[in-house]
PDB file of N, CA and C in Angstrom:
ATOM      1  N   MET A   1       0.832   2.853 -12.948  1.00  0.00           N
ATOM      2  CA  MET A   1       0.193   1.465 -12.484  1.00  0.00           C
ATOM      3  C   MET A   1       1.041   0.851 -11.336  1.00  0.00           C
ATOM      4  N   ILE A   2       0.263   0.208 -10.314  1.00  0.00           N
ATOM      5  CA  ILE A   2       0.766  -0.456  -9.346  1.00  0.00           C
ATOM      6  C   ILE A   2       0.424  -1.916  -9.353  1.00  0.00           C
ATOM      7  N   ALA A   3       1.892  -2.657  -9.496  1.00  0.00           N
ATOM      8  CA  ALA A   3       1.445  -4.281  -9.685  1.00  0.00           C
ATOM      9  C   ALA A   3       1.451  -4.692  -8.201  1.00  0.00           C
ATOM     10  N   VAL A   4       0.914  -5.791  -7.906  1.00  0.00           N
ATOM     11  CA  VAL A   4       0.881  -6.407  -6.904  1.00  0.00           C
ATOM     12  C   VAL A   4       1.348  -7.924  -6.743  1.00  0.00           C
ATOM     13  N   HIS A   5       2.384  -8.332  -6.086  1.00  0.00           N
ATOM     14  CA  HIS A   5       3.051  -9.536  -5.980  1.00  0.00           C
ATOM     15  C   HIS A   5       2.857  -9.948  -4.708  1.00  0.00           C
ATOM     16  N   SER A   6       1.560 -10.648  -4.576  1.00  0.00           N
ATOM     17  CA  SER A   6       1.337 -11.024  -3.142  1.00  0.00           C
ATOM     18  C   SER A   6       2.165 -11.965  -2.473  1.00  0.00           C
ATOM     19  N   GLU A   7       2.873 -12.748  -3.489  1.00  0.00           N
ATOM     20  CA  GLU A   7       3.769 -13.866  -2.721  1.00  0.00           C
ATOM     21  C   GLU A   7       4.871 -13.342  -1.920  1.00  0.00           C
ATOM     22  N   ASN A   8       5.123 -11.915  -2.108  1.00  0.00           N
ATOM     23  CA  ASN A   8       6.416 -11.207  -1.367  1.00  0.00           C
ATOM     24  C   ASN A   8       5.828 -10.574  -0.062  1.00  0.00           C
ATOM     25  N   CYS A   9       4.379 -10.487  -0.008  1.00  0.00           N
ATOM     26  CA  CYS A   9       3.887  -9.626   1.047  1.00  0.00           C
ATOM     27  C   CYS A   9       3.830 -10.419   2.384  1.00  0.00           C
ATOM     28  N   THR A  10       4.445  -9.826   3.344  1.00  0.00           N
ATOM     29  CA  THR A  10       4.642  -9.981   4.797  1.00  0.00           C
ATOM     30  C   THR A  10       3.591  -9.627   5.901  1.00  0.00           C
ATOM     31  N   GLY A  11       2.581  -8.761   5.312  1.00  0.00           N
ATOM     32  CA  GLY A  11       1.701  -8.221   6.166  1.00  0.00           C
ATOM     33  C   GLY A  11       2.418  -7.014   7.038  1.00  0.00           C
ATOM     34  N   CYS A  12       3.624  -6.496   6.706  1.00  0.00           N
ATOM     35  CA  CYS A  12       4.118  -5.614   7.665  1.00  0.00           C
ATOM     36  C   CYS A  12       3.449  -4.219   7.733  1.00  0.00           C
ATOM     37  N   MET A  13       2.458  -3.914   6.658  1.00  0.00           N
ATOM     38  CA  MET A  13       1.500  -2.568   6.968  1.00  0.00           C
ATOM     39  C   MET A  13       2.150  -1.394   6.648  1.00  0.00           C
ATOM     40  N   ARG A  14       3.472  -1.225   6.255  1.00  0.00           N
ATOM     41  CA  ARG A  14       4.251  -0.203   6.042  1.00  0.00           C
ATOM     42  C   ARG A  14       3.318   0.501   4.934  1.00  0.00           C
ATOM     43  N   CYS A  15       2.817   0.042   3.842  1.00  0.00           N
ATOM     44  CA  CYS A  15       2.093   0.446   2.798  1.00  0.00           C
ATOM     45  C   CYS A  15       0.952   1.183   3.172  1.00  0.00           C
ATOM     46  N   VAL A  16       0.274   0.534   4.237  1.00  0.00           N
ATOM     47  CA  VAL A  16      -0.943   1.073   4.679  1.00  0.00           C
ATOM     48  C   VAL A  16      -0.762   2.529   5.423  1.00  0.00           C
ATOM     49  N   LEU A  17       0.156   2.194   6.310  1.00  0.00           N
ATOM     50  CA  LEU A  17       0.583   3.387   7.430  1.00  0.00           C
ATOM     51  C   LEU A  17       1.008   4.636   6.542  1.00  0.00           C
ATOM     52  N   ILE A  18       1.935   4.264   5.560  1.00  0.00           N
ATOM     53  CA  ILE A  18       2.386   5.666   4.876  1.00  0.00           C
ATOM     54  C   ILE A  18       1.287   6.487   3.992  1.00  0.00           C
ATOM     55  N   CYS A  19       0.458   5.293   3.540  1.00  0.00           N
ATOM     56  CA  CYS A  19      -0.822   6.008   2.650  1.00  0.00           C
ATOM     57  C   CYS A  19      -1.892   6.817   3.476  1.00  0.00           C
ATOM     58  N   SER A  20      -2.134   6.143   4.780  1.00  0.00           N
ATOM     59  CA  SER A  20      -2.853   7.020   5.568  1.00  0.00           C
ATOM     60  C   SER A  20      -2.200   8.287   6.073  1.00  0.00           C
ATOM     61  N   TYR A  21      -1.009   8.180   6.501  1.00  0.00           N
ATOM     62  CA  TYR A  21      -0.247   9.538   6.954  1.00  0.00           C
ATOM     63  C   TYR A  21      -0.143  10.479   5.840  1.00  0.00           C
ATOM     64  N   THR A  22      -0.038  10.040   4.513  1.00  0.00           N
ATOM     65  CA  THR A  22       0.300  10.956   3.348  1.00  0.00           C
ATOM     66  C   THR A  22      -0.823  11.921   3.256  1.00  0.00           C
ATOM     67  N   TYR A  23      -2.275  11.163   3.329  1.00  0.00           N
ATOM     68  CA  TYR A  23      -3.608  11.886   3.199  1.00  0.00           C
ATOM     69  C   TYR A  23      -4.440  12.258   4.317  1.00  0.00           C
ATOM     70  N   THR A  24      -3.941  11.822   5.391  1.00  0.00           N
ATOM     71  CA  THR A  24      -4.486  12.200   6.588  1.00  0.00           C
ATOM     72  C   THR A  24      -3.783  12.931   7.621  1.00  0.00           C
ATOM     73  N   LYS A  25      -2.454  12.782   7.557  1.00  0.00           N
ATOM     74  CA  LYS A  25      -1.397  13.167   8.597  1.00  0.00           C
ATOM     75  C   LYS A  25      -1.515  12.391   9.870  1.00  0.00           C
ATOM     76  N   LYS A  26      -2.131  11.339   9.717  1.00  0.00           N
ATOM     77  CA  LYS A  26      -2.324  10.395  10.840  1.00  0.00           C
ATOM     78  C   LYS A  26      -1.835   8.910  10.573  1.00  0.00           C
ATOM     79  N   PHE A  27      -1.060   8.218  11.346  1.00  0.00           N
ATOM     80  CA  PHE A  27      -0.683   6.624  11.117  1.00  0.00           C
ATOM     81  C   PHE A  27      -2.108   5.993  11.529  1.00  0.00           C
ATOM     82  N   SER A  28      -2.825   5.466  10.531  1.00  0.00           N
ATOM     83  CA  SER A  28      -3.911   4.627  11.025  1.00  0.00           C
ATOM     84  C   SER A  28      -4.287   3.518  10.021  1.00  0.00           C
ATOM     85  N   ILE A  29      -4.824   2.485  10.322  1.00  0.00           N
ATOM     86  CA  ILE A  29      -4.899   1.482   9.568  1.00  0.00           C
ATOM     87  C   ILE A  29      -6.445   1.351   8.850  1.00  0.00           C
ATOM     88  N   SER A  30      -7.449   2.419   9.578  1.00  0.00           N
ATOM     89  CA  SER A  30      -8.470   2.581   9.149  1.00  0.00           C
ATOM     90  C   SER A  30      -9.082   3.692   7.858  1.00  0.00           C
ATOM     91  N   THR A  31      -7.784   4.370   7.584  1.00  0.00           N
ATOM     92  CA  THR A  31      -8.136   5.581   6.614  1.00  0.00           C
ATOM     93  C   THR A  31      -7.483   5.415   5.422  1.00  0.00           C
ATOM     94  N   PRO A  32      -6.405   4.441   5.178  1.00  0.00           N
ATOM     95  CA  PRO A  32      -5.698   4.311   3.978  1.00  0.00           C
ATOM     96  C   PRO A  32      -6.427   4.023   2.640  1.00  0.00           C
ATOM     97  N   ARG A  33      -5.729   4.338   1.606  1.00  0.00           N
ATOM     98  CA  ARG A  33      -6.277   3.991   0.090  1.00  0.00           C
ATOM     99  C   ARG A  33      -5.879   2.592  -0.169  1.00  0.00           C
ATOM    100  N   ILE A  34      -5.228   2.047   0.600  1.00  0.00           N
ATOM    101  CA  ILE A  34      -4.667   0.621   0.192  1.00  0.00           C
ATOM    102  C   ILE A  34      -5.009  -0.349   1.603  1.00  0.00           C
ATOM    103  N   LYS A  35      -5.738  -1.574   1.128  1.00  0.00           N
ATOM    104  CA  LYS A  35      -6.027  -2.347   2.519  1.00  0.00           C
ATOM    105  C   LYS A  35      -5.173  -3.841   2.128  1.00  0.00           C
ATOM    106  N   ILE A  36      -4.891  -4.216   3.277  1.00  0.00           N
ATOM    107  CA  ILE A  36      -4.189  -5.644   3.152  1.00  0.00           C
ATOM    108  C   ILE A  36      -5.065  -6.746   3.903  1.00  0.00           C
ATOM    109  N   LYS A  37      -5.386  -7.528   3.005  1.00  0.00           N
ATOM    110  CA  LYS A  37      -6.470  -8.579   3.160  1.00  0.00           C
ATOM    111  C   LYS A  37      -5.515 -10.019   2.722  1.00  0.00           C
ATOM    112  N   GLU A  38      -5.635 -10.842   3.893  1.00  0.00           N
ATOM    113  CA  GLU A  38      -4.898 -11.988   3.752  1.00  0.00           C
ATOM    114  C   GLU A  38      -3.457 -12.006   2.871  1.00  0.00           C
ATOM    115  N   TYR A  39      -2.555 -11.170   3.484  1.00  0.00           N
ATOM    116  CA  TYR A  39      -1.399 -10.822   2.555  1.00  0.00           C
ATOM    117  C   TYR A  39      -1.524 -10.487   1.022  1.00  0.00           C
ATOM    118  N   ARG A  40      -2.535  -9.830   0.684  1.00  0.00           N
ATOM    119  CA  ARG A  40      -2.743  -9.348  -0.735  1.00  0.00           C
ATOM    120  C   ARG A  40      -3.027  -8.086  -0.510  1.00  0.00           C
ATOM    121  N   ALA A  41      -2.550  -6.923  -1.199  1.00  0.00           N
ATOM    122  CA  ALA A  41      -3.048  -5.541  -1.456  1.00  0.00           C
ATOM    123  C   ALA A  41      -4.059  -5.256  -2.303  1.00  0.00           C
ATOM    124  N   GLU A  42      -5.073  -4.450  -1.686  1.00  0.00           N
ATOM    125  CA  GLU A  42      -6.123  -4.031  -2.503  1.00  0.00           C
ATOM    126  C   GLU A  42      -6.323  -2.587  -2.262  1.00  0.00           C
ATOM    127  N   PHE A  43      -6.534  -2.011  -3.492  1.00  0.00           N
ATOM    128  CA  PHE A  43      -6.570  -0.732  -3.603  1.00  0.00           C
ATOM    129  C   PHE A  43      -8.256  -0.234  -3.620  1.00  0.00           C
ATOM    130  N   THR A  44      -8.486   0.877  -2.963  1.00  0.00           N
ATOM    131  CA  THR A  44      -9.877   1.667  -2.821  1.00  0.00           C
ATOM    132  C   THR A  44      -9.935   2.353  -3.976  1.00  0.00           C
ATOM    133  N   GLU A  45     -11.221   2.649  -4.456  1.00  0.00           N
ATOM    134  CA  GLU A  45     -11.432   3.562  -5.534  1.00  0.00           C
ATOM    135  C   GLU A  45     -10.790   4.999  -5.531  1.00  0.00           C
ATOM    136  N   ASP A  46     -10.479   5.408  -4.260  1.00  0.00           N
ATOM    137  CA  ASP A  46      -9.902   6.558  -3.893  1.00  0.00           C
ATOM    138  C   ASP A  46      -8.298   6.719  -4.194  1.00  0.00           C
ATOM    139  N   CYS A  47      -7.939   5.593  -4.598  1.00  0.00           N
ATOM    140  CA  CYS A  47      -6.353   5.632  -4.817  1.00  0.00           C
ATOM    141  C   CYS A  47      -5.859   6.300  -6.086  1.00  0.00           C
ATOM    142  N   ASN A  48      -5.010   7.203  -5.937  1.00  0.00           N
ATOM    143  CA  ASN A  48      -4.544   7.927  -7.115  1.00  0.00           C
ATOM    144  C   ASN A  48      -3.090   7.227  -7.765  1.00  0.00           C
ATOM    145  N   GLU A  49      -2.443   6.108  -7.189  1.00  0.00           N
ATOM    146  CA  GLU A  49      -1.376   5.413  -7.606  1.00  0.00           C
ATOM    147  C   GLU A  49      -0.235   6.571  -7.409  1.00  0.00           C
ATOM    148  N   CYS A  50      -0.114   7.320  -6.378  1.00  0.00           N
ATOM    149  CA  CYS A  50       0.976   7.863  -6.092  1.00  0.00           C
ATOM    150  C   CYS A  50       2.296   7.334  -6.074  1.00  0.00           C
ATOM    151  N   GLY A  51       2.142   6.221  -5.399  1.00  0.00           N
ATOM    152  CA  GLY A  51       3.646   5.374  -5.294  1.00  0.00           C
ATOM    153  C   GLY A  51       4.167   5.379  -4.069  1.00  0.00           C
ATOM    154  N   LYS A  52       3.558   5.957  -3.013  1.00  0.00           N
ATOM    155  CA  LYS A  52       4.217   6.131  -1.648  1.00  0.00           C
ATOM    156  C   LYS A  52       4.349   4.857  -1.097  1.00  0.00           C
ATOM    157  N   CYS A  53       3.088   3.934  -1.244  1.00  0.00           N
ATOM    158  CA  CYS A  53       3.155   2.524  -0.845  1.00  0.00           C
ATOM    159  C   CYS A  53       4.493   1.820  -1.345  1.00  0.00           C
ATOM    160  N   VAL A  54       4.660   1.971  -2.596  1.00  0.00           N
ATOM    161  CA  VAL A  54       5.748   1.329  -3.338  1.00  0.00           C
ATOM    162  C   VAL A  54       6.868   1.497  -2.851  1.00  0.00           C
ATOM    163  N   GLU A  55       7.127   2.691  -2.429  1.00  0.00           N
ATOM    164  CA  GLU A  55       8.551   3.098  -2.054  1.00  0.00           C
ATOM    165  C   GLU A  55       8.793   2.632  -0.579  1.00  0.00           C
ATOM    166  N   GLN A  56       7.606   2.435  -0.116  1.00  0.00           N
ATOM    167  CA  GLN A  56       7.833   1.701   1.565  1.00  0.00           C
ATOM    168  C   GLN A  56       7.763   0.450   1.656  1.00  0.00           C
ATOM    169  N   CYS A  57       7.667  -0.410   0.626  1.00  0.00           N
ATOM    170  CA  CYS A  57       7.620  -1.909   0.426  1.00  0.00           C
ATOM    171  C   CYS A  57       8.852  -2.355   0.300  1.00  0.00           C
ATOM    172  N   PHE A  58       9.466  -2.831   1.149  1.00  0.00           N
ATOM    173  CA  PHE A  58      10.864  -3.401   1.311  1.00  0.00           C
ATOM    174  C   PHE A  58      11.073  -5.014   0.843  1.00  0.00           C
ATOM    175  N   TYR A  59       9.789  -5.319   0.395  1.00  0.00           N
ATOM    176  CA  TYR A  59       9.701  -6.955   0.236  1.00  0.00           C
ATOM    177  C   TYR A  59       9.076  -7.392  -1.351  1.00  0.00           C
ATOM    178  N   GLY A  60       9.141  -6.079  -1.979  1.00  0.00           N
ATOM    179  CA  GLY A  60       8.718  -6.222  -3.486  1.00  0.00           C
ATOM    180  C   GLY A  60       7.427  -6.899  -3.608  1.00  0.00           C
ATOM    181  N   ALA A  61       6.576  -6.681  -2.893  1.00  0.00           N
ATOM    182  CA  ALA A  61       4.982  -6.995  -2.812  1.00  0.00           C
ATOM    183  C   ALA A  61       4.690  -5.996  -3.854  1.00  0.00           C
ATOM    184  N   LEU A  62       4.944  -4.742  -3.947  1.00  0.00           N
ATOM    185  CA  LEU A  62       4.132  -3.568  -4.710  1.00  0.00           C
ATOM    186  C   LEU A  62       5.395  -3.146  -5.785  1.00  0.00           C
ATOM    187  N   GLU A  63       5.128  -2.849  -6.922  1.00  0.00           N
ATOM    188  CA  GLU A  63       6.081  -2.467  -7.938  1.00  0.00           C
ATOM    189  C   GLU A  63       5.088  -1.498  -8.771  1.00  0.00           C
ATOM    190  N   MET A  64       5.842  -0.512  -8.933  1.00  0.00           N
ATOM    191  CA  MET A  64       5.360   0.511 -10.074  1.00  0.00           C
ATOM    192  C   MET A  64       5.770   0.381 -11.533  1.00  0.00           C
ATOM    193  N   VAL A  65       4.753   0.033 -12.355  1.00  0.00           N
ATOM    194  CA  VAL A  65       5.200  -0.440 -13.834  1.00  0.00           C
ATOM    195  C   VAL A  65       4.197   0.644 -14.693  1.00  0.00           C
ATOM    196  N   LYS A  66       4.847   0.722 -15.822  1.00  0.00           N
ATOM    197  CA  LYS A  66       4.267   1.663 -16.784  1.00  0.00           C
ATOM    198  C   LYS A  66       3.224   1.033 -17.543  1.00  0.00           C
TER     199      LYS A  66
END
């Protein structure tokens, strides 16, 4: 499960870009399974919680929890 810590989000979009690249092999803000809205991450129903976005979040806005 992925926990979201909105207070740490800078809006850098690294999570969005790695998500789109992982599943479509293109860097795009229109195809990811995670969206950033007003510095808050929201996951689409297609998200399988692979954790790629967590690995790319340098600010602690996303965290993998059990």
